[in-house]
PDB file of N, CA and C in Angstrom:
ATOM      1  N   MET A   1      88.314 114.755  74.672  1.00  0.00           N
ATOM      2  CA  MET A   1      88.252 113.722  75.225  1.00  0.00           C
ATOM      3  C   MET A   1      89.537 113.026  75.616  1.00  0.00           C
ATOM      4  N   VAL A   2      90.127 112.256  76.611  1.00  0.00           N
ATOM      5  CA  VAL A   2      91.405 112.533  76.667  1.00  0.00           C
ATOM      6  C   VAL A   2      91.599 110.960  77.143  1.00  0.00           C
ATOM      7  N   LYS A   3      92.593 110.423  76.474  1.00  0.00           N
ATOM      8  CA  LYS A   3      93.397 108.686  77.118  1.00  0.00           C
ATOM      9  C   LYS A   3      94.496 109.004  78.172  1.00  0.00           C
ATOM     10  N   ILE A   4      93.818 108.119  79.130  1.00  0.00           N
ATOM     11  CA  ILE A   4      95.466 108.145  79.945  1.00  0.00           C
ATOM     12  C   ILE A   4      95.481 106.461  80.476  1.00  0.00           C
ATOM     13  N   SER A   5      96.779 106.552  79.228  1.00  0.00           N
ATOM     14  CA  SER A   5      97.906 105.081  79.611  1.00  0.00           C
ATOM     15  C   SER A   5      98.687 104.793  80.119  1.00  0.00           C
ATOM     16  N   ILE A   6      98.512 103.690  80.899  1.00  0.00           N
ATOM     17  CA  ILE A   6      99.454 103.270  81.794  1.00  0.00           C
ATOM     18  C   ILE A   6     100.437 101.806  81.086  1.00  0.00           C
ATOM     19  N   LEU A   7     101.010 101.927  80.484  1.00  0.00           N
ATOM     20  CA  LEU A   7     102.279 101.282  79.924  1.00  0.00           C
ATOM     21  C   LEU A   7     103.503 100.908  81.201  1.00  0.00           C
ATOM     22  N   TYR A   8     103.296  99.468  81.021  1.00  0.00           N
ATOM     23  CA  TYR A   8     104.741  98.501  81.592  1.00  0.00           C
ATOM     24  C   TYR A   8     105.324  97.789  80.954  1.00  0.00           C
ATOM     25  N   PRO A   9     106.748  98.427  81.139  1.00  0.00           N
ATOM     26  CA  PRO A   9     107.929  98.165  79.929  1.00  0.00           C
ATOM     27  C   PRO A   9     108.146  96.740  80.218  1.00  0.00           C
ATOM     28  N   ASN A  10     108.147  96.061  79.309  1.00  0.00           N
ATOM     29  CA  ASN A  10     108.912  94.406  79.125  1.00  0.00           C
ATOM     30  C   ASN A  10     110.444  94.295  79.695  1.00  0.00           C
ATOM     31  N   ASN A  11     110.717  94.575  81.050  1.00  0.00           N
ATOM     32  CA  ASN A  11     112.221  94.754  81.548  1.00  0.00           C
ATOM     33  C   ASN A  11     112.274  93.226  81.307  1.00  0.00           C
ATOM     34  N   PRO A  12     113.866  93.007  81.170  1.00  0.00           N
ATOM     35  CA  PRO A  12     113.635  91.730  81.436  1.00  0.00           C
ATOM     36  C   PRO A  12     114.021  91.757  83.200  1.00  0.00           C
ATOM     37  N   GLY A  13     113.701  90.078  83.615  1.00  0.00           N
ATOM     38  CA  GLY A  13     113.553  90.200  84.977  1.00  0.00           C
ATOM     39  C   GLY A  13     112.182  90.540  85.448  1.00  0.00           C
ATOM     40  N   SER A  14     111.931  91.456  85.158  1.00  0.00           N
ATOM     41  CA  SER A  14     110.883  91.936  85.799  1.00  0.00           C
ATOM     42  C   SER A  14     109.425  90.238  85.590  1.00  0.00           C
ATOM     43  N   ARG A  15     108.437  91.137  86.378  1.00  0.00           N
ATOM     44  CA  ARG A  15     107.452  89.992  86.732  1.00  0.00           C
ATOM     45  C   ARG A  15     106.111  90.618  86.581  1.00  0.00           C
ATOM     46  N   PHE A  16     105.105  90.349  86.059  1.00  0.00           N
ATOM     47  CA  PHE A  16     103.854  90.461  85.870  1.00  0.00           C
ATOM     48  C   PHE A  16     102.531  89.997  85.117  1.00  0.00           C
ATOM     49  N   ASP A  17     101.828  89.691  86.679  1.00  0.00           N
ATOM     50  CA  ASP A  17      99.993  88.738  86.122  1.00  0.00           C
ATOM     51  C   ASP A  17      99.743  88.922  85.445  1.00  0.00           C
ATOM     52  N   VAL A  18      99.836  88.505  84.170  1.00  0.00           N
ATOM     53  CA  VAL A  18      98.179  88.062  83.487  1.00  0.00           C
ATOM     54  C   VAL A  18      97.124  88.340  83.370  1.00  0.00           C
ATOM     55  N   SER A  19      97.085  87.321  84.424  1.00  0.00           N
ATOM     56  CA  SER A  19      95.622  86.805  84.806  1.00  0.00           C
ATOM     57  C   SER A  19      95.400  87.814  86.043  1.00  0.00           C
ATOM     58  N   TYR A  20      96.525  87.783  87.003  1.00  0.00           N
ATOM     59  CA  TYR A  20      95.445  88.260  88.279  1.00  0.00           C
ATOM     60  C   TYR A  20      94.775  90.251  87.662  1.00  0.00           C
ATOM     61  N   TYR A  21      96.484  90.975  86.636  1.00  0.00           N
ATOM     62  CA  TYR A  21      95.517  91.590  86.174  1.00  0.00           C
ATOM     63  C   TYR A  21      94.417  91.730  85.472  1.00  0.00           C
ATOM     64  N   VAL A  22      94.196  90.848  84.499  1.00  0.00           N
ATOM     65  CA  VAL A  22      93.098  90.934  84.048  1.00  0.00           C
ATOM     66  C   VAL A  22      91.528  90.327  84.549  1.00  0.00           C
ATOM     67  N   GLU A  23      91.742  89.586  85.228  1.00  0.00           N
ATOM     68  CA  GLU A  23      90.628  88.998  86.546  1.00  0.00           C
ATOM     69  C   GLU A  23      90.735  89.668  87.343  1.00  0.00           C
ATOM     70  N   THR A  24      91.224  90.000  88.103  1.00  0.00           N
ATOM     71  CA  THR A  24      90.693  91.174  89.588  1.00  0.00           C
ATOM     72  C   THR A  24      91.492  92.800  89.845  1.00  0.00           C
ATOM     73  N   HIS A  25      92.670  92.876  89.092  1.00  0.00           N
ATOM     74  CA  HIS A  25      93.016  94.420  89.024  1.00  0.00           C
ATOM     75  C   HIS A  25      91.989  95.514  88.381  1.00  0.00           C
ATOM     76  N   MET A  26      91.760  94.928  86.608  1.00  0.00           N
ATOM     77  CA  MET A  26      90.811  95.648  85.870  1.00  0.00           C
ATOM     78  C   MET A  26      89.238  95.641  86.543  1.00  0.00           C
ATOM     79  N   PRO A  27      89.151  94.239  86.909  1.00  0.00           N
ATOM     80  CA  PRO A  27      87.440  94.528  87.219  1.00  0.00           C
ATOM     81  C   PRO A  27      87.561  95.601  88.381  1.00  0.00           C
ATOM     82  N   LEU A  28      88.424  95.711  88.724  1.00  0.00           N
ATOM     83  CA  LEU A  28      88.451  96.675  90.596  1.00  0.00           C
ATOM     84  C   LEU A  28      88.858  98.076  90.071  1.00  0.00           C
ATOM     85  N   SER A  29      89.671  98.370  88.883  1.00  0.00           N
ATOM     86  CA  SER A  29      89.875  99.568  88.711  1.00  0.00           C
ATOM     87  C   SER A  29      88.166 100.036  87.601  1.00  0.00           C
ATOM     88  N   ILE A  30      87.832  98.981  87.103  1.00  0.00           N
ATOM     89  CA  ILE A  30      86.437  99.416  86.025  1.00  0.00           C
ATOM     90  C   ILE A  30      85.652  99.659  87.233  1.00  0.00           C
ATOM     91  N   ARG A  31      85.468  99.253  88.102  1.00  0.00           N
ATOM     92  CA  ARG A  31      84.604  99.301  89.556  1.00  0.00           C
ATOM     93  C   ARG A  31      84.039 100.404  89.558  1.00  0.00           C
ATOM     94  N   LEU A  32      85.756 100.730  90.311  1.00  0.00           N
ATOM     95  CA  LEU A  32      85.739 102.603  90.493  1.00  0.00           C
ATOM     96  C   LEU A  32      86.084 103.209  89.559  1.00  0.00           C
ATOM     97  N   LEU A  33      86.751 103.516  88.737  1.00  0.00           N
ATOM     98  CA  LEU A  33      86.816 104.752  88.343  1.00  0.00           C
ATOM     99  C   LEU A  33      85.258 105.049  87.062  1.00  0.00           C
ATOM    100  N   GLY A  34      85.219 103.603  86.617  1.00  0.00           N
ATOM    101  CA  GLY A  34      83.884 103.824  85.654  1.00  0.00           C
ATOM    102  C   GLY A  34      82.806 104.257  86.507  1.00  0.00           C
ATOM    103  N   ALA A  35      82.467 104.503  87.495  1.00  0.00           N
ATOM    104  CA  ALA A  35      81.098 105.033  88.257  1.00  0.00           C
ATOM    105  C   ALA A  35      81.237 106.501  87.766  1.00  0.00           C
ATOM    106  N   HIS A  36      82.975 107.351  87.944  1.00  0.00           N
ATOM    107  CA  HIS A  36      82.730 108.695  87.791  1.00  0.00           C
ATOM    108  C   HIS A  36      81.448 108.802  85.882  1.00  0.00           C
ATOM    109  N   SER A  37      81.186 110.287  86.045  1.00  0.00           N
ATOM    110  CA  SER A  37      80.280 110.510  85.068  1.00  0.00           C
ATOM    111  C   SER A  37      80.842 111.025  83.810  1.00  0.00           C
ATOM    112  N   GLY A  38      82.514 111.059  84.047  1.00  0.00           N
ATOM    113  CA  GLY A  38      83.153 111.198  83.009  1.00  0.00           C
ATOM    114  C   GLY A  38      83.873 110.167  82.365  1.00  0.00           C
ATOM    115  N   PHE A  39      83.958 109.083  82.850  1.00  0.00           N
ATOM    116  CA  PHE A  39      84.483 107.992  82.185  1.00  0.00           C
ATOM    117  C   PHE A  39      83.903 107.571  80.770  1.00  0.00           C
ATOM    118  N   ARG A  40      84.692 107.287  79.615  1.00  0.00           N
ATOM    119  CA  ARG A  40      84.382 106.902  78.615  1.00  0.00           C
ATOM    120  C   ARG A  40      84.564 105.324  78.256  1.00  0.00           C
ATOM    121  N   GLY A  41      85.576 104.704  78.975  1.00  0.00           N
ATOM    122  CA  GLY A  41      85.720 103.536  77.801  1.00  0.00           C
ATOM    123  C   GLY A  41      87.150 103.108  78.993  1.00  0.00           C
ATOM    124  N   VAL A  42      87.717 101.587  78.860  1.00  0.00           N
ATOM    125  CA  VAL A  42      88.371 101.275  79.508  1.00  0.00           C
ATOM    126  C   VAL A  42      89.103  99.959  77.760  1.00  0.00           C
ATOM    127  N   SER A  43      90.484  99.897  77.884  1.00  0.00           N
ATOM    128  CA  SER A  43      90.987  99.124  77.033  1.00  0.00           C
ATOM    129  C   SER A  43      91.985  98.200  77.909  1.00  0.00           C
ATOM    130  N   VAL A  44      92.728  97.203  77.683  1.00  0.00           N
ATOM    131  CA  VAL A  44      93.702  96.626  78.445  1.00  0.00           C
ATOM    132  C   VAL A  44      93.873  95.509  77.078  1.00  0.00           C
ATOM    133  N   GLU A  45      96.008  95.822  77.113  1.00  0.00           N
ATOM    134  CA  GLU A  45      96.426  94.774  76.505  1.00  0.00           C
ATOM    135  C   GLU A  45      97.197  94.647  76.835  1.00  0.00           C
ATOM    136  N   HIS A  46      97.666  93.563  75.521  1.00  0.00           N
ATOM    137  CA  HIS A  46      98.673  92.203  76.275  1.00  0.00           C
ATOM    138  C   HIS A  46     100.055  92.201  75.107  1.00  0.00           C
ATOM    139  N   GLY A  47     101.089  92.482  75.594  1.00  0.00           N
ATOM    140  CA  GLY A  47     102.249  92.619  74.118  1.00  0.00           C
ATOM    141  C   GLY A  47     102.099  91.498  74.107  1.00  0.00           C
ATOM    142  N   VAL A  48     102.625  90.807  73.056  1.00  0.00           N
ATOM    143  CA  VAL A  48     103.330  89.809  72.463  1.00  0.00           C
ATOM    144  C   VAL A  48     104.133  89.858  71.548  1.00  0.00           C
ATOM    145  N   ALA A  49     104.772  90.564  70.460  1.00  0.00           N
ATOM    146  CA  ALA A  49     105.502  90.554  69.887  1.00  0.00           C
ATOM    147  C   ALA A  49     105.928  92.182  69.577  1.00  0.00           C
ATOM    148  N   SER A  50     107.437  92.037  69.271  1.00  0.00           N
ATOM    149  CA  SER A  50     107.886  93.553  68.574  1.00  0.00           C
ATOM    150  C   SER A  50     107.537  93.384  66.804  1.00  0.00           C
ATOM    151  N   THR A  51     108.283  94.543  66.121  1.00  0.00           N
ATOM    152  CA  THR A  51     108.332  93.872  64.853  1.00  0.00           C
ATOM    153  C   THR A  51     109.335  93.468  63.829  1.00  0.00           C
ATOM    154  N   VAL A  52     110.109  93.519  64.838  1.00  0.00           N
ATOM    155  CA  VAL A  52     110.959  92.219  64.552  1.00  0.00           C
ATOM    156  C   VAL A  52     111.235  90.583  65.156  1.00  0.00           C
ATOM    157  N   PRO A  53     110.036  89.840  64.097  1.00  0.00           N
ATOM    158  CA  PRO A  53     110.234  88.854  64.337  1.00  0.00           C
ATOM    159  C   PRO A  53     110.944  88.012  65.430  1.00  0.00           C
ATOM    160  N   GLY A  54     110.488  86.936  66.569  1.00  0.00           N
ATOM    161  CA  GLY A  54     110.952  86.793  67.411  1.00  0.00           C
ATOM    162  C   GLY A  54     111.378  87.532  68.464  1.00  0.00           C
ATOM    163  N   THR A  55     111.552  88.800  68.935  1.00  0.00           N
ATOM    164  CA  THR A  55     111.436  89.421  69.180  1.00  0.00           C
ATOM    165  C   THR A  55     110.254  90.120  70.897  1.00  0.00           C
ATOM    166  N   PRO A  56     110.902  90.374  72.007  1.00  0.00           N
ATOM    167  CA  PRO A  56     109.801  90.447  72.719  1.00  0.00           C
ATOM    168  C   PRO A  56     109.405  91.968  72.785  1.00  0.00           C
ATOM    169  N   PRO A  57     107.784  92.152  73.009  1.00  0.00           N
ATOM    170  CA  PRO A  57     107.495  93.415  72.994  1.00  0.00           C
ATOM    171  C   PRO A  57     108.507  94.875  73.643  1.00  0.00           C
ATOM    172  N   ALA A  58     107.919  95.561  73.422  1.00  0.00           N
ATOM    173  CA  ALA A  58     108.538  96.822  74.506  1.00  0.00           C
ATOM    174  C   ALA A  58     107.531  96.972  75.427  1.00  0.00           C
ATOM    175  N   TYR A  59     106.294  96.447  75.070  1.00  0.00           N
ATOM    176  CA  TYR A  59     105.260  96.579  77.033  1.00  0.00           C
ATOM    177  C   TYR A  59     104.822  95.250  77.069  1.00  0.00           C
ATOM    178  N   ILE A  60     105.183  95.041  78.166  1.00  0.00           N
ATOM    179  CA  ILE A  60     104.296  93.982  78.352  1.00  0.00           C
ATOM    180  C   ILE A  60     102.612  93.485  78.639  1.00  0.00           C
ATOM    181  N   ALA A  61     102.180  94.938  79.261  1.00  0.00           N
ATOM    182  CA  ALA A  61     100.700  95.116  78.731  1.00  0.00           C
ATOM    183  C   ALA A  61     100.966  96.752  79.026  1.00  0.00           C
ATOM    184  N   MET A  62      99.612  97.197  78.538  1.00  0.00           N
ATOM    185  CA  MET A  62      98.838  98.496  78.129  1.00  0.00           C
ATOM    186  C   MET A  62      97.154  98.600  79.275  1.00  0.00           C
ATOM    187  N   CYS A  63      96.913  99.643  79.470  1.00  0.00           N
ATOM    188  CA  CYS A  63      95.492 100.025  80.029  1.00  0.00           C
ATOM    189  C   CYS A  63      95.516 101.402  79.515  1.00  0.00           C
ATOM    190  N   HIS A  64      94.156 101.714  78.600  1.00  0.00           N
ATOM    191  CA  HIS A  64      94.205 102.995  78.575  1.00  0.00           C
ATOM    192  C   HIS A  64      92.802 103.166  79.025  1.00  0.00           C
ATOM    193  N   PHE A  65      92.543 104.687  79.400  1.00  0.00           N
ATOM    194  CA  PHE A  65      91.368 104.770  80.157  1.00  0.00           C
ATOM    195  C   PHE A  65      91.008 105.579  79.141  1.00  0.00           C
ATOM    196  N   LEU A  66      89.796 106.229  78.726  1.00  0.00           N
ATOM    197  CA  LEU A  66      89.109 107.155  78.248  1.00  0.00           C
ATOM    198  C   LEU A  66      88.074 108.162  79.160  1.00  0.00           C
ATOM    199  N   PHE A  67      88.100 109.488  79.281  1.00  0.00           N
ATOM    200  CA  PHE A  67      87.999 110.373  80.230  1.00  0.00           C
ATOM    201  C   PHE A  67      87.082 111.134  79.401  1.00  0.00           C
ATOM    202  N   SER A  68      86.041 112.203  80.025  1.00  0.00           N
ATOM    203  CA  SER A  68      85.912 113.308  79.172  1.00  0.00           C
ATOM    204  C   SER A  68      87.070 114.134  79.279  1.00  0.00           C
ATOM    205  N   SER A  69      87.661 114.326  80.275  1.00  0.00           N
ATOM    206  CA  SER A  69      88.750 115.049  80.814  1.00  0.00           C
ATOM    207  C   SER A  69      90.252 114.938  81.850  1.00  0.00           C
ATOM    208  N   ILE A  70      90.825 115.441  81.724  1.00  0.00           N
ATOM    209  CA  ILE A  70      91.618 114.677  82.969  1.00  0.00           C
ATOM    210  C   ILE A  70      91.292 115.417  84.004  1.00  0.00           C
ATOM    211  N   ASP A  71      90.498 116.116  84.302  1.00  0.00           N
ATOM    212  CA  ASP A  71      90.219 116.620  85.610  1.00  0.00           C
ATOM    213  C   ASP A  71      89.177 115.618  86.024  1.00  0.00           C
ATOM    214  N   ASP A  72      88.555 114.960  85.050  1.00  0.00           N
ATOM    215  CA  ASP A  72      87.430 114.054  85.571  1.00  0.00           C
ATOM    216  C   ASP A  72      88.536 112.461  85.923  1.00  0.00           C
ATOM    217  N   PHE A  73      89.736 112.006  85.023  1.00  0.00           N
ATOM    218  CA  PHE A  73      89.759 111.129  85.631  1.00  0.00           C
ATOM    219  C   PHE A  73      90.875 111.782  87.308  1.00  0.00           C
ATOM    220  N   LEU A  74      91.059 112.233  87.166  1.00  0.00           N
ATOM    221  CA  LEU A  74      91.537 112.506  88.819  1.00  0.00           C
ATOM    222  C   LEU A  74      90.572 112.864  89.343  1.00  0.00           C
ATOM    223  N   ALA A  75      89.482 113.318  89.375  1.00  0.00           N
ATOM    224  CA  ALA A  75      87.917 112.856  90.077  1.00  0.00           C
ATOM    225  C   ALA A  75      87.714 111.934  90.234  1.00  0.00           C
ATOM    226  N   ALA A  76      87.961 111.054  89.130  1.00  0.00           N
ATOM    227  CA  ALA A  76      87.125 109.285  89.060  1.00  0.00           C
ATOM    228  C   ALA A  76      89.179 108.785  90.478  1.00  0.00           C
ATOM    229  N   PHE A  77      90.158 108.628  90.073  1.00  0.00           N
ATOM    230  CA  PHE A  77      91.193 108.273  90.167  1.00  0.00           C
ATOM    231  C   PHE A  77      91.711 108.461  91.856  1.00  0.00           C
ATOM    232  N   MET A  78      91.869 110.009  92.132  1.00  0.00           N
ATOM    233  CA  MET A  78      91.735 110.300  93.679  1.00  0.00           C
ATOM    234  C   MET A  78      91.318 109.187  94.623  1.00  0.00           C
ATOM    235  N   PRO A  79      90.530 109.093  94.781  1.00  0.00           N
ATOM    236  CA  PRO A  79      89.599 108.988  95.843  1.00  0.00           C
ATOM    237  C   PRO A  79      89.938 107.256  95.849  1.00  0.00           C
ATOM    238  N   HIS A  80      90.373 107.214  94.926  1.00  0.00           N
ATOM    239  CA  HIS A  80      91.011 105.121  94.754  1.00  0.00           C
ATOM    240  C   HIS A  80      92.507 105.291  94.960  1.00  0.00           C
ATOM    241  N   ALA A  81      93.151 106.357  94.565  1.00  0.00           N
ATOM    242  CA  ALA A  81      95.157 105.717  94.139  1.00  0.00           C
ATOM    243  C   ALA A  81      95.036 105.341  95.005  1.00  0.00           C
ATOM    244  N   ASP A  82      94.746 105.196  96.734  1.00  0.00           N
ATOM    245  CA  ASP A  82      95.468 103.761  97.737  1.00  0.00           C
ATOM    246  C   ASP A  82      95.075 103.153  97.055  1.00  0.00           C
ATOM    247  N   VAL A  83      93.832 102.481  97.246  1.00  0.00           N
ATOM    248  CA  VAL A  83      93.958 101.040  97.192  1.00  0.00           C
ATOM    249  C   VAL A  83      93.770 100.525  95.537  1.00  0.00           C
ATOM    250  N   LEU A  84      93.713 101.519  94.699  1.00  0.00           N
ATOM    251  CA  LEU A  84      94.453 100.336  93.070  1.00  0.00           C
ATOM    252  C   LEU A  84      95.891 100.377  93.292  1.00  0.00           C
ATOM    253  N   GLN A  85      97.010 101.410  93.534  1.00  0.00           N
ATOM    254  CA  GLN A  85      98.104 101.478  93.938  1.00  0.00           C
ATOM    255  C   GLN A  85      98.559 100.735  94.972  1.00  0.00           C
ATOM    256  N   GLY A  86      98.010 100.306  95.897  1.00  0.00           N
ATOM    257  CA  GLY A  86      98.263  99.301  96.953  1.00  0.00           C
ATOM    258  C   GLY A  86      98.249  97.909  96.219  1.00  0.00           C
ATOM    259  N   ASP A  87      97.515  97.613  95.208  1.00  0.00           N
ATOM    260  CA  ASP A  87      96.913  96.151  94.676  1.00  0.00           C
ATOM    261  C   ASP A  87      97.964  95.915  93.162  1.00  0.00           C
ATOM    262  N   MET A  88      98.862  97.056  93.463  1.00  0.00           N
ATOM    263  CA  MET A  88      99.869  97.023  91.997  1.00  0.00           C
ATOM    264  C   MET A  88     100.755  95.729  93.052  1.00  0.00           C
ATOM    265  N   PRO A  89     101.100  95.541  93.826  1.00  0.00           N
ATOM    266  CA  PRO A  89     102.748  94.477  93.994  1.00  0.00           C
ATOM    267  C   PRO A  89     102.285  92.969  94.199  1.00  0.00           C
ATOM    268  N   ASN A  90     100.375  92.923  93.778  1.00  0.00           N
ATOM    269  CA  ASN A  90     100.028  91.633  93.474  1.00  0.00           C
ATOM    270  C   ASN A  90      99.843  91.262  92.390  1.00  0.00           C
ATOM    271  N   TYR A  91     100.666  91.845  91.165  1.00  0.00           N
ATOM    272  CA  TYR A  91     100.320  91.170  89.815  1.00  0.00           C
ATOM    273  C   TYR A  91     101.583  92.151  88.979  1.00  0.00           C
ATOM    274  N   THR A  92     102.407  93.178  89.957  1.00  0.00           N
ATOM    275  CA  THR A  92     103.962  93.322  88.962  1.00  0.00           C
ATOM    276  C   THR A  92     104.856  94.323  89.842  1.00  0.00           C
ATOM    277  N   ASP A  93     106.486  93.993  89.347  1.00  0.00           N
ATOM    278  CA  ASP A  93     107.191  94.885  90.058  1.00  0.00           C
ATOM    279  C   ASP A  93     107.556  95.975  89.353  1.00  0.00           C
ATOM    280  N   ILE A  94     106.590  96.311  88.486  1.00  0.00           N
ATOM    281  CA  ILE A  94     107.336  97.191  87.265  1.00  0.00           C
ATOM    282  C   ILE A  94     106.382  98.682  87.562  1.00  0.00           C
ATOM    283  N   GLU A  95     107.453 100.009  87.392  1.00  0.00           N
ATOM    284  CA  GLU A  95     107.500 100.581  87.394  1.00  0.00           C
ATOM    285  C   GLU A  95     106.533 101.048  86.450  1.00  0.00           C
ATOM    286  N   PRO A  96     105.341 101.640  86.162  1.00  0.00           N
ATOM    287  CA  PRO A  96     104.512 101.858  84.988  1.00  0.00           C
ATOM    288  C   PRO A  96     104.908 103.343  84.105  1.00  0.00           C
ATOM    289  N   VAL A  97     104.730 102.937  83.153  1.00  0.00           N
ATOM    290  CA  VAL A  97     105.074 104.898  82.315  1.00  0.00           C
ATOM    291  C   VAL A  97     103.537 105.398  82.088  1.00  0.00           C
ATOM    292  N   ILE A  98     103.299 106.482  82.688  1.00  0.00           N
ATOM    293  CA  ILE A  98     101.428 106.900  82.808  1.00  0.00           C
ATOM    294  C   ILE A  98     101.670 108.054  81.459  1.00  0.00           C
ATOM    295  N   GLN A  99     100.900 107.777  80.397  1.00  0.00           N
ATOM    296  CA  GLN A  99     100.794 110.000  79.841  1.00  0.00           C
ATOM    297  C   GLN A  99      99.365 110.114  79.710  1.00  0.00           C
ATOM    298  N   PHE A 100      99.598 111.267  79.013  1.00  0.00           N
ATOM    299  CA  PHE A 100      97.754 112.077  79.303  1.00  0.00           C
ATOM    300  C   PHE A 100      98.250 112.217  77.822  1.00  0.00           C
ATOM    301  N   ASN A 101      96.863 111.548  77.296  1.00  0.00           N
ATOM    302  CA  ASN A 101      96.581 112.093  75.827  1.00  0.00           C
ATOM    303  C   ASN A 101      95.766 112.611  75.318  1.00  0.00           C
ATOM    304  N   GLU A 102      95.741 113.873  74.650  1.00  0.00           N
ATOM    305  CA  GLU A 102      94.486 114.650  73.886  1.00  0.00           C
ATOM    306  C   GLU A 102      94.031 113.406  72.291  1.00  0.00           C
ATOM    307  N   VAL A 103      92.456 112.716  72.536  1.00  0.00           N
ATOM    308  CA  VAL A 103      92.058 112.290  71.846  1.00  0.00           C
ATOM    309  C   VAL A 103      91.630 112.859  70.566  1.00  0.00           C
ATOM    310  N   LEU A 104      92.587 113.231  69.006  1.00  0.00           N
ATOM    311  CA  LEU A 104      92.461 113.991  68.366  1.00  0.00           C
ATOM    312  C   LEU A 104      91.503 113.114  67.139  1.00  0.00           C
ATOM    313  N   ILE A 105      91.759 111.776  66.959  1.00  0.00           N
ATOM    314  CA  ILE A 105      90.750 110.965  66.111  1.00  0.00           C
ATOM    315  C   ILE A 105      90.491 109.146  66.408  1.00  0.00           C
ATOM    316  N   SER A 106      89.432 109.304  66.604  1.00  0.00           N
ATOM    317  CA  SER A 106      88.930 107.842  67.355  1.00  0.00           C
ATOM    318  C   SER A 106      87.075 107.529  66.149  1.00  0.00           C
ATOM    319  N   ILE A 107      88.036 106.520  65.741  1.00  0.00           N
ATOM    320  CA  ILE A 107      87.170 105.699  65.246  1.00  0.00           C
ATOM    321  C   ILE A 107      85.521 105.003  65.250  1.00  0.00           C
TER     322      ILE A 107
END
């Protein structure tokens, strides 16, 4: 299983509309990508703090898709890439960091 992490750095002066992301963009993403047989799940997180009290989190938001394989993710994502990436200006001006991870332990 693989986890595709989409991380939005908490850059000073950047814009991220958490409500739009959670209420509009992610339901769209889940509907489009979740239809693929390799889809295993998704989680969305909103950064609230750093380990140092009173300091902001490193990431304002994170999304983690679980798929059977990277190929399954790409097969699910690529037909909808224009729609999903085209929606990004509606909730952020942040360039996300995207990382593919092999899941070694999941409880």
